[in-house]
Amino acid sequence: MDQQGRERNIMMLWVIVVLGIAYSSLLYSQRTLTGMNHVDRIIGVMLGLYICSHPAANLVDMLFFRQGARRRFSSRRSPVLFLLLNMVVLFVSGIVIFVGTTHLIGRTDED
C-alpha cells in the first residue's frame, strides 16, 4: 500500500469514527432519528457492522495480503499507531452495534 492510499485509509477511519459517535449520540439523546424506531435501530446495527468492516479488512490486509507491510511504514511507530486507530474504530463500532441492538430488542411503549 502506498503512502497516499494509507493516508486515505486513515482519513476514512476517522470519518467513520465520527459518524459512529454522532449516530450513537443522536440516538441516545433524541431516542429516534427517522420517526420510526425499528428503522433507527436497524440502521444502528448495520452502521456498526459497516464501521467494523474497515478495521477487519485492514487487519486481514496486513496479515495475509501485504507481505512485508510493516516495512512500508515510514517509522517503527507508524504501524503501532495505525493498529491503535483500528482498535479505536472497532471499539466505536462495538458501541454503535450495542446501542442499535439494545434499542432493537428493548421493549418500549412507543413501538
N, C-alpha and C. Protein backbone atom coordinates (compact mmCIF):
# COMPACT_ATOMS: atom_id res chain seq x y z
N MET A 1 0.86 -1.17 0.00
CA MET A 1 0.00 0.00 0.00
C MET A 1 0.90 1.23 0.00
N ASP A 2 0.67 2.13 -0.91
CA ASP A 2 1.49 3.32 -0.99
C ASP A 2 1.07 4.33 0.08
N GLN A 3 1.88 5.39 0.21
CA GLN A 3 1.64 6.39 1.25
C GLN A 3 0.30 7.09 1.06
N GLN A 4 -0.06 7.43 -0.16
CA GLN A 4 -1.32 8.11 -0.42
C GLN A 4 -2.52 7.22 -0.08
N GLY A 5 -2.45 5.96 -0.42
CA GLY A 5 -3.51 5.01 -0.10
C GLY A 5 -3.68 4.84 1.40
N ARG A 6 -2.56 4.82 2.12
CA ARG A 6 -2.60 4.68 3.58
C ARG A 6 -3.21 5.92 4.21
N GLU A 7 -2.88 7.10 3.69
CA GLU A 7 -3.45 8.34 4.23
C GLU A 7 -4.95 8.40 3.98
N ARG A 8 -5.40 7.96 2.81
CA ARG A 8 -6.84 7.91 2.54
C ARG A 8 -7.53 6.94 3.48
N ASN A 9 -6.90 5.82 3.75
CA ASN A 9 -7.46 4.82 4.65
C ASN A 9 -7.58 5.38 6.07
N ILE A 10 -6.57 6.07 6.53
CA ILE A 10 -6.60 6.68 7.86
C ILE A 10 -7.69 7.73 7.93
N MET A 11 -7.83 8.53 6.89
CA MET A 11 -8.89 9.55 6.86
C MET A 11 -10.27 8.89 6.90
N MET A 12 -10.44 7.79 6.17
CA MET A 12 -11.71 7.07 6.17
C MET A 12 -12.01 6.52 7.56
N LEU A 13 -11.01 6.01 8.24
CA LEU A 13 -11.21 5.51 9.60
C LEU A 13 -11.68 6.62 10.53
N TRP A 14 -11.08 7.79 10.43
CA TRP A 14 -11.51 8.91 11.27
C TRP A 14 -12.93 9.35 10.94
N VAL A 15 -13.28 9.34 9.66
CA VAL A 15 -14.63 9.75 9.26
C VAL A 15 -15.67 8.79 9.83
N ILE A 16 -15.42 7.49 9.74
CA ILE A 16 -16.41 6.56 10.25
C ILE A 16 -16.46 6.54 11.77
N VAL A 17 -15.36 6.86 12.44
CA VAL A 17 -15.41 7.01 13.90
C VAL A 17 -16.32 8.17 14.28
N VAL A 18 -16.15 9.29 13.61
CA VAL A 18 -17.00 10.46 13.89
C VAL A 18 -18.45 10.15 13.56
N LEU A 19 -18.70 9.46 12.46
CA LEU A 19 -20.05 9.08 12.08
C LEU A 19 -20.69 8.18 13.13
N GLY A 20 -19.95 7.21 13.62
CA GLY A 20 -20.47 6.30 14.64
C GLY A 20 -20.77 7.00 15.95
N ILE A 21 -19.87 7.89 16.36
CA ILE A 21 -20.10 8.64 17.60
C ILE A 21 -21.29 9.57 17.45
N ALA A 22 -21.40 10.22 16.29
CA ALA A 22 -22.53 11.12 16.06
C ALA A 22 -23.85 10.36 16.07
N TYR A 23 -23.90 9.22 15.41
CA TYR A 23 -25.13 8.43 15.37
C TYR A 23 -25.53 7.97 16.77
N SER A 24 -24.57 7.43 17.52
CA SER A 24 -24.87 6.94 18.86
C SER A 24 -25.32 8.07 19.77
N SER A 25 -24.68 9.21 19.67
CA SER A 25 -25.05 10.37 20.49
C SER A 25 -26.45 10.87 20.15
N LEU A 26 -26.74 10.98 18.86
CA LEU A 26 -28.07 11.44 18.46
C LEU A 26 -29.16 10.46 18.86
N LEU A 27 -28.91 9.18 18.69
CA LEU A 27 -29.91 8.19 19.05
C LEU A 27 -30.12 8.15 20.56
N TYR A 28 -29.04 8.34 21.31
CA TYR A 28 -29.15 8.35 22.77
C TYR A 28 -29.91 9.58 23.26
N SER A 29 -29.66 10.73 22.65
CA SER A 29 -30.28 11.96 23.14
C SER A 29 -31.69 12.18 22.61
N GLN A 30 -31.98 11.77 21.38
CA GLN A 30 -33.28 12.05 20.79
C GLN A 30 -34.20 10.84 20.76
N ARG A 31 -33.70 9.66 21.02
CA ARG A 31 -34.47 8.42 21.02
C ARG A 31 -34.93 7.97 19.64
N THR A 32 -35.08 8.87 18.68
CA THR A 32 -35.44 8.48 17.31
C THR A 32 -34.89 9.52 16.35
N LEU A 33 -34.47 9.07 15.20
CA LEU A 33 -33.94 9.99 14.18
C LEU A 33 -34.87 10.08 12.98
N THR A 34 -35.46 8.97 12.61
CA THR A 34 -36.33 8.94 11.43
C THR A 34 -37.80 9.00 11.78
N GLY A 35 -38.12 8.85 13.05
CA GLY A 35 -39.51 8.80 13.46
C GLY A 35 -40.03 7.38 13.57
N MET A 36 -39.31 6.44 13.02
CA MET A 36 -39.69 5.02 13.11
C MET A 36 -38.60 4.30 13.90
N ASN A 37 -38.94 3.84 15.08
CA ASN A 37 -37.95 3.27 15.99
C ASN A 37 -37.23 2.06 15.41
N HIS A 38 -37.95 1.16 14.77
CA HIS A 38 -37.30 -0.03 14.21
C HIS A 38 -36.30 0.34 13.12
N VAL A 39 -36.61 1.32 12.32
CA VAL A 39 -35.69 1.75 11.27
C VAL A 39 -34.41 2.33 11.88
N ASP A 40 -34.56 3.17 12.90
CA ASP A 40 -33.40 3.74 13.58
C ASP A 40 -32.50 2.65 14.15
N ARG A 41 -33.10 1.66 14.74
CA ARG A 41 -32.34 0.59 15.38
C ARG A 41 -31.64 -0.29 14.35
N ILE A 42 -32.32 -0.59 13.27
CA ILE A 42 -31.71 -1.40 12.21
C ILE A 42 -30.56 -0.64 11.56
N ILE A 43 -30.75 0.65 11.37
CA ILE A 43 -29.67 1.48 10.82
C ILE A 43 -28.46 1.45 11.76
N GLY A 44 -28.71 1.50 13.06
CA GLY A 44 -27.61 1.45 14.03
C GLY A 44 -26.81 0.16 13.94
N VAL A 45 -27.49 -0.96 13.85
CA VAL A 45 -26.79 -2.25 13.76
C VAL A 45 -26.02 -2.33 12.45
N MET A 46 -26.66 -1.94 11.34
CA MET A 46 -25.99 -2.00 10.04
C MET A 46 -24.80 -1.04 9.98
N LEU A 47 -24.95 0.16 10.55
CA LEU A 47 -23.85 1.12 10.59
C LEU A 47 -22.69 0.58 11.42
N GLY A 48 -23.00 -0.04 12.54
CA GLY A 48 -21.95 -0.62 13.37
C GLY A 48 -21.19 -1.73 12.65
N LEU A 49 -21.92 -2.56 11.92
CA LEU A 49 -21.26 -3.62 11.16
C LEU A 49 -20.41 -3.05 10.03
N TYR A 50 -20.90 -1.99 9.39
CA TYR A 50 -20.11 -1.35 8.33
C TYR A 50 -18.84 -0.73 8.91
N ILE A 51 -18.96 -0.06 10.04
CA ILE A 51 -17.79 0.55 10.67
C ILE A 51 -16.79 -0.53 11.06
N CYS A 52 -17.27 -1.65 11.56
CA CYS A 52 -16.41 -2.75 11.98
C CYS A 52 -15.68 -3.40 10.81
N SER A 53 -16.26 -3.32 9.63
CA SER A 53 -15.66 -3.99 8.47
C SER A 53 -14.34 -3.35 8.03
N HIS A 54 -14.17 -2.07 8.24
CA HIS A 54 -12.94 -1.40 7.79
C HIS A 54 -11.71 -1.85 8.56
N PRO A 55 -11.71 -1.83 9.90
CA PRO A 55 -10.51 -2.32 10.59
C PRO A 55 -10.29 -3.81 10.38
N ALA A 56 -11.37 -4.58 10.22
CA ALA A 56 -11.20 -6.00 9.95
C ALA A 56 -10.51 -6.21 8.60
N ALA A 57 -10.91 -5.44 7.61
CA ALA A 57 -10.27 -5.53 6.29
C ALA A 57 -8.81 -5.10 6.37
N ASN A 58 -8.52 -4.06 7.15
CA ASN A 58 -7.13 -3.62 7.30
C ASN A 58 -6.27 -4.70 7.95
N LEU A 59 -6.83 -5.37 8.96
CA LEU A 59 -6.07 -6.41 9.63
C LEU A 59 -5.80 -7.59 8.70
N VAL A 60 -6.82 -8.02 7.98
CA VAL A 60 -6.64 -9.12 7.04
C VAL A 60 -5.61 -8.73 5.97
N ASP A 61 -5.70 -7.49 5.51
CA ASP A 61 -4.76 -6.99 4.50
C ASP A 61 -3.33 -7.02 5.02
N MET A 62 -3.16 -6.55 6.25
CA MET A 62 -1.81 -6.52 6.81
C MET A 62 -1.26 -7.92 7.09
N LEU A 63 -2.12 -8.83 7.52
CA LEU A 63 -1.64 -10.15 7.90
C LEU A 63 -1.41 -11.09 6.72
N PHE A 64 -2.30 -11.04 5.74
CA PHE A 64 -2.26 -12.07 4.70
C PHE A 64 -1.85 -11.57 3.32
N PHE A 65 -2.29 -10.40 2.94
CA PHE A 65 -2.12 -9.99 1.55
C PHE A 65 -0.95 -9.05 1.32
N ARG A 66 -0.47 -8.41 2.30
CA ARG A 66 0.64 -7.47 2.12
C ARG A 66 1.89 -8.04 2.76
N GLN A 67 2.62 -8.80 2.03
CA GLN A 67 3.87 -9.33 2.53
C GLN A 67 4.83 -8.18 2.76
N GLY A 68 5.34 -8.10 3.95
CA GLY A 68 6.26 -7.02 4.28
C GLY A 68 5.58 -5.68 4.46
N ALA A 69 4.33 -5.67 4.86
CA ALA A 69 3.60 -4.41 5.02
C ALA A 69 4.23 -3.54 6.10
N ARG A 70 4.85 -4.17 7.07
CA ARG A 70 5.47 -3.39 8.14
C ARG A 70 6.65 -2.57 7.63
N ARG A 71 7.30 -3.07 6.58
CA ARG A 71 8.43 -2.32 6.03
C ARG A 71 7.99 -1.10 5.25
N ARG A 72 6.72 -1.04 4.85
CA ARG A 72 6.23 0.08 4.06
C ARG A 72 5.91 1.30 4.90
N PHE A 73 5.84 1.15 6.22
CA PHE A 73 5.61 2.30 7.08
C PHE A 73 6.91 3.08 7.23
N SER A 74 6.78 4.39 7.39
CA SER A 74 7.97 5.23 7.41
C SER A 74 8.75 5.14 8.71
N SER A 75 8.11 4.78 9.81
CA SER A 75 8.83 4.66 11.08
C SER A 75 8.31 3.44 11.83
N ARG A 76 8.96 3.12 12.93
CA ARG A 76 8.54 1.97 13.73
C ARG A 76 7.23 2.26 14.46
N ARG A 77 6.95 3.52 14.74
CA ARG A 77 5.77 3.90 15.48
C ARG A 77 4.51 3.90 14.61
N SER A 78 4.65 4.08 13.31
CA SER A 78 3.51 4.16 12.40
C SER A 78 2.61 2.92 12.42
N PRO A 79 3.16 1.70 12.35
CA PRO A 79 2.25 0.56 12.38
C PRO A 79 1.51 0.43 13.70
N VAL A 80 2.16 0.82 14.79
CA VAL A 80 1.51 0.75 16.10
C VAL A 80 0.36 1.76 16.16
N LEU A 81 0.59 2.96 15.68
CA LEU A 81 -0.47 3.97 15.68
C LEU A 81 -1.62 3.58 14.75
N PHE A 82 -1.29 2.98 13.61
CA PHE A 82 -2.32 2.53 12.68
C PHE A 82 -3.17 1.43 13.31
N LEU A 83 -2.53 0.49 13.99
CA LEU A 83 -3.27 -0.58 14.66
C LEU A 83 -4.08 -0.02 15.84
N LEU A 84 -3.56 0.96 16.53
CA LEU A 84 -4.29 1.60 17.63
C LEU A 84 -5.54 2.30 17.10
N LEU A 85 -5.41 3.00 15.98
CA LEU A 85 -6.58 3.64 15.36
C LEU A 85 -7.61 2.59 14.95
N ASN A 86 -7.17 1.47 14.41
CA ASN A 86 -8.08 0.39 14.06
C ASN A 86 -8.79 -0.16 15.29
N MET A 87 -8.10 -0.25 16.41
CA MET A 87 -8.74 -0.71 17.65
C MET A 87 -9.78 0.30 18.15
N VAL A 88 -9.49 1.59 18.01
CA VAL A 88 -10.47 2.61 18.38
C VAL A 88 -11.71 2.49 17.51
N VAL A 89 -11.51 2.27 16.22
CA VAL A 89 -12.65 2.11 15.31
C VAL A 89 -13.46 0.87 15.68
N LEU A 90 -12.81 -0.23 16.02
CA LEU A 90 -13.52 -1.43 16.45
C LEU A 90 -14.31 -1.18 17.73
N PHE A 91 -13.74 -0.42 18.65
CA PHE A 91 -14.43 -0.10 19.89
C PHE A 91 -15.68 0.74 19.62
N VAL A 92 -15.54 1.75 18.77
CA VAL A 92 -16.68 2.60 18.42
C VAL A 92 -17.75 1.78 17.70
N SER A 93 -17.34 0.88 16.82
CA SER A 93 -18.32 0.05 16.12
C SER A 93 -19.05 -0.86 17.10
N GLY A 94 -18.35 -1.34 18.10
CA GLY A 94 -19.00 -2.15 19.14
C GLY A 94 -20.04 -1.35 19.90
N ILE A 95 -19.73 -0.10 20.18
CA ILE A 95 -20.71 0.76 20.87
C ILE A 95 -21.93 1.00 19.99
N VAL A 96 -21.71 1.28 18.71
CA VAL A 96 -22.83 1.52 17.79
C VAL A 96 -23.70 0.28 17.67
N ILE A 97 -23.07 -0.88 17.54
CA ILE A 97 -23.84 -2.13 17.46
C ILE A 97 -24.60 -2.37 18.76
N PHE A 98 -23.96 -2.11 19.89
CA PHE A 98 -24.61 -2.30 21.19
C PHE A 98 -25.82 -1.38 21.33
N VAL A 99 -25.65 -0.11 21.00
CA VAL A 99 -26.77 0.84 21.10
C VAL A 99 -27.90 0.43 20.17
N GLY A 100 -27.57 0.09 18.94
CA GLY A 100 -28.61 -0.33 17.99
C GLY A 100 -29.31 -1.60 18.42
N THR A 101 -28.55 -2.56 18.92
CA THR A 101 -29.13 -3.83 19.32
C THR A 101 -29.99 -3.69 20.57
N THR A 102 -29.50 -2.98 21.56
CA THR A 102 -30.29 -2.83 22.78
C THR A 102 -31.56 -2.05 22.53
N HIS A 103 -31.51 -1.08 21.64
CA HIS A 103 -32.73 -0.37 21.28
C HIS A 103 -33.65 -1.25 20.43
N LEU A 104 -33.07 -2.14 19.64
CA LEU A 104 -33.86 -3.00 18.77
C LEU A 104 -34.63 -4.05 19.57
N ILE A 105 -33.98 -4.66 20.54
CA ILE A 105 -34.65 -5.72 21.29
C ILE A 105 -35.31 -5.23 22.57
N GLY A 106 -35.00 -4.00 22.97
CA GLY A 106 -35.61 -3.46 24.18
C GLY A 106 -37.08 -3.14 23.99
N ARG A 107 -37.85 -3.34 25.03
CA ARG A 107 -39.28 -3.03 24.96
C ARG A 107 -39.50 -1.58 25.29
N THR A 108 -40.25 -0.93 24.42
CA THR A 108 -40.65 0.45 24.67
C THR A 108 -42.15 0.56 24.46
N ASP A 109 -42.75 1.55 25.06
CA ASP A 109 -44.19 1.76 24.93
C ASP A 109 -44.54 2.39 23.60
N GLU A 110 -43.54 2.97 22.91
CA GLU A 110 -43.81 3.67 21.67
C GLU A 110 -43.98 2.73 20.49
N ASP A 111 -43.45 1.51 20.56
CA ASP A 111 -43.49 0.58 19.42
C ASP A 111 -44.85 0.07 19.14
